[in-house]
Amino acid sequence: MNTDHELLYLVDERDQVLDSCRRGDAHRHGLRHRAVHILVTNSSGRVLLQKRSPHKDINPGLWDTSAAGHVDYGESYRDCAVRELGEELGIAPSPEPAPLFKLTAAAETGWEFVQVYLLHWDGPLRPHSGEIDEVRWFAPAGIDHLIVTGELPLTPSFVTIWKTFRAQQRSNE
């Protein structure tokens, strides 16, 4: 599936909309645009990670947040989060995922402003086989260990998101 021509928001350094741009151009030219990442946790406190399909054009075969995607032109961050959960994991969340924090567009995020959400989910999962190679539940300490040791290849965005998430958890204790 060629996603190069999807229309995204072209935004400035404050995440204010300038225009639309094609997905391929955003990544080829390092243009600021919008994305969402959703951390899905279960009642055991584990976090769901996905292994990206080897056929993805960005970070193929790397482990990433539970669900993620670009915000389409004309779409809100919230609507994108709900759409991505459905498309990638077969989840129709109720209640909707809760916003956690927003990362500023930078090289580590692929020049994406990333709105991060949290969803507690104990229901069934139906991972999209064209997008996701595998899903697995991890204990938070296990993810911390993976980041330190590099035992599993993780996307740069996920590492940034996880470090921010864990710092936020520590500050709330």
Protein backbone atom coordinates (compact mmCIF):
# COMPACT_ATOMS: atom_id res chain seq x y z
CA MET A 1 0.00 0.00 0.00
CA ASN A 2 1.56 3.29 -1.12
CA THR A 3 0.87 5.99 1.45
CA ASP A 4 3.19 8.56 -0.13
CA HIS A 5 0.29 10.66 -1.41
CA GLU A 6 -1.77 10.87 1.81
CA LEU A 7 -2.45 14.49 2.73
CA LEU A 8 -1.18 15.63 6.11
CA TYR A 9 -1.07 18.93 7.98
CA LEU A 10 2.01 21.03 7.24
CA VAL A 11 2.65 22.92 10.49
CA ASP A 12 5.09 25.47 11.87
CA GLU A 13 7.35 25.20 14.93
CA ARG A 14 4.32 25.91 17.22
CA ASP A 15 2.13 23.26 15.53
CA GLN A 16 0.05 25.93 13.79
CA VAL A 17 -1.36 24.83 10.44
CA LEU A 18 0.35 26.34 7.40
CA ASP A 19 -1.08 24.17 4.64
CA SER A 20 -1.37 20.54 3.61
CA CYS A 21 1.47 18.37 2.34
CA ARG A 22 1.89 14.88 0.98
CA ARG A 23 3.16 12.25 3.40
CA GLY A 24 6.11 11.38 1.17
CA ASP A 25 7.17 15.02 0.93
CA ALA A 26 6.90 15.49 4.71
CA HIS A 27 9.37 12.67 5.31
CA ARG A 28 11.64 13.29 2.32
CA HIS A 29 12.08 16.97 3.11
CA GLY A 30 11.87 16.95 6.93
CA LEU A 31 8.66 18.99 7.04
CA ARG A 32 6.87 19.41 10.36
CA HIS A 33 3.61 17.46 10.52
CA ARG A 34 1.36 15.70 13.06
CA ALA A 35 1.13 12.17 14.42
CA VAL A 36 -0.37 10.25 17.32
CA HIS A 37 1.01 7.39 19.39
CA ILE A 38 -1.15 5.38 21.77
CA LEU A 39 0.20 3.38 24.72
CA VAL A 40 -2.19 0.53 25.48
CA THR A 41 -1.95 -0.95 28.97
CA ASN A 42 -3.89 -3.81 30.54
CA SER A 43 -5.14 -4.46 34.06
CA SER A 44 -1.87 -6.27 34.85
CA GLY A 45 0.02 -3.04 34.19
CA ARG A 46 1.66 -4.41 31.06
CA VAL A 47 2.15 -2.30 27.93
CA LEU A 48 1.38 -3.55 24.44
CA LEU A 49 4.12 -3.04 21.85
CA GLN A 50 3.89 -3.79 18.15
CA LYS A 51 6.59 -4.99 15.82
CA ARG A 52 6.21 -3.03 12.60
CA SER A 53 5.82 -4.97 9.38
CA PRO A 54 9.05 -5.44 7.41
CA HIS A 55 7.18 -3.87 4.47
CA LYS A 56 6.71 -0.47 6.18
CA ASP A 57 8.60 2.40 4.55
CA ILE A 58 9.65 3.91 7.90
CA ASN A 59 11.27 1.83 10.67
CA PRO A 60 10.42 -1.57 9.14
CA GLY A 61 10.70 -4.47 11.57
CA LEU A 62 11.26 -2.25 14.63
CA TRP A 63 9.21 -2.37 17.83
CA ASP A 64 6.97 0.62 18.45
CA THR A 65 4.12 1.97 20.55
CA SER A 66 0.88 0.00 20.65
CA ALA A 67 -0.63 2.00 17.77
CA ALA A 68 0.48 5.09 15.88
CA GLY A 69 -0.15 7.05 12.75
CA HIS A 70 -0.16 10.33 10.91
CA VAL A 71 -2.96 12.81 11.47
CA ASP A 72 -4.70 13.17 8.11
CA TYR A 73 -5.46 16.62 6.77
CA GLY A 74 -8.87 17.66 8.17
CA GLU A 75 -8.62 15.23 11.12
CA SER A 76 -8.08 16.00 14.82
CA TYR A 77 -5.44 14.35 16.98
CA ARG A 78 -8.23 12.62 18.97
CA ASP A 79 -10.02 11.31 15.89
CA CYS A 80 -6.73 10.02 14.52
CA ALA A 81 -6.01 8.13 17.76
CA VAL A 82 -9.40 6.42 17.65
CA ARG A 83 -8.97 5.60 13.93
CA GLU A 84 -5.48 4.13 14.41
CA LEU A 85 -6.60 1.93 17.30
CA GLY A 86 -9.32 0.52 15.05
CA GLU A 87 -7.17 0.13 11.95
CA GLU A 88 -4.09 -1.34 13.60
CA LEU A 89 -5.44 -3.30 16.57
CA GLY A 90 -9.17 -3.76 15.92
CA ILE A 91 -10.02 -1.77 19.07
CA ALA A 92 -13.12 0.43 19.23
CA PRO A 93 -12.28 2.06 22.57
CA SER A 94 -14.88 3.10 25.06
CA PRO A 95 -14.02 5.33 26.75
CA GLU A 96 -11.66 6.99 24.31
CA PRO A 97 -7.91 7.12 24.94
CA ALA A 98 -6.76 9.83 27.36
CA PRO A 99 -4.24 12.45 26.20
CA LEU A 100 -0.94 12.20 28.12
CA PHE A 101 1.51 14.70 26.62
CA LYS A 102 2.64 16.16 23.32
CA LEU A 103 6.17 15.99 21.93
CA THR A 104 7.59 18.83 19.86
CA ALA A 105 8.60 18.06 16.30
CA ALA A 106 12.29 17.10 16.22
CA ALA A 107 14.66 14.77 14.40
CA GLU A 108 13.92 11.94 16.91
CA THR A 109 10.22 12.06 16.03
CA GLY A 110 10.73 12.37 12.27
CA TRP A 111 9.69 16.05 12.50
CA GLU A 112 6.30 15.04 13.84
CA PHE A 113 4.42 16.78 16.62
CA VAL A 114 3.37 13.68 18.52
CA GLN A 115 0.27 13.66 20.71
CA VAL A 116 0.60 10.66 23.01
CA TYR A 117 -2.47 8.92 24.42
CA LEU A 118 -3.06 6.21 27.01
CA LEU A 119 -5.72 3.51 26.77
CA HIS A 120 -6.42 0.78 29.33
CA TRP A 121 -7.65 -2.28 27.42
CA ASP A 122 -8.34 -5.86 28.40
CA GLY A 123 -10.46 -6.75 25.39
CA PRO A 124 -9.58 -8.68 22.25
CA LEU A 125 -6.94 -7.53 19.77
CA ARG A 126 -7.02 -8.01 16.00
CA PRO A 127 -3.64 -6.75 14.75
CA HIS A 128 -3.64 -5.68 11.09
CA SER A 129 -1.32 -8.12 9.34
CA GLY A 130 -0.21 -5.63 6.66
CA GLU A 131 0.87 -3.10 9.30
CA ILE A 132 2.00 -5.24 12.22
CA ASP A 133 4.21 -8.32 12.32
CA GLU A 134 3.64 -9.15 15.99
CA VAL A 135 2.25 -7.72 19.23
CA ARG A 136 3.48 -8.51 22.71
CA TRP A 137 2.70 -7.34 26.26
CA PHE A 138 5.68 -6.07 28.28
CA ALA A 139 6.15 -5.11 31.91
CA PRO A 140 7.26 -1.46 32.18
CA ALA A 141 10.56 -2.52 33.80
CA GLY A 142 11.10 -4.88 30.89
CA ILE A 143 10.75 -1.99 28.44
CA ASP A 144 13.21 0.05 30.50
CA HIS A 145 15.62 -2.90 30.23
CA LEU A 146 15.14 -3.14 26.44
CA ILE A 147 15.99 0.53 26.03
CA VAL A 148 19.20 0.15 28.04
CA THR A 149 20.34 -3.14 26.46
CA GLY A 150 19.01 -2.78 22.92
CA GLU A 151 17.88 -6.43 22.98
CA LEU A 152 14.97 -5.55 20.70
CA PRO A 153 15.24 -2.90 17.99
CA LEU A 154 12.96 0.01 19.00
CA THR A 155 11.88 3.01 16.95
CA PRO A 156 13.52 6.31 17.93
CA SER A 157 10.06 7.83 18.45
CA PHE A 158 9.06 5.08 20.86
CA VAL A 159 12.26 5.48 22.90
CA THR A 160 11.59 9.23 23.22
CA ILE A 161 7.94 8.63 24.11
CA TRP A 162 8.78 5.95 26.69
CA LYS A 163 11.45 8.05 28.41
CA THR A 164 9.02 10.99 28.61
CA PHE A 165 6.23 8.72 29.89
CA ARG A 166 8.44 7.20 32.60
CA ALA A 167 9.72 10.64 33.67
CA GLN A 168 6.11 11.81 33.94
CA GLN A 169 5.23 8.77 36.06
CA ARG A 170 8.16 9.44 38.42
CA SER A 171 7.17 13.09 38.82
CA ASN A 172 3.61 12.04 39.73
CA GLU A 173 4.76 9.65 42.50
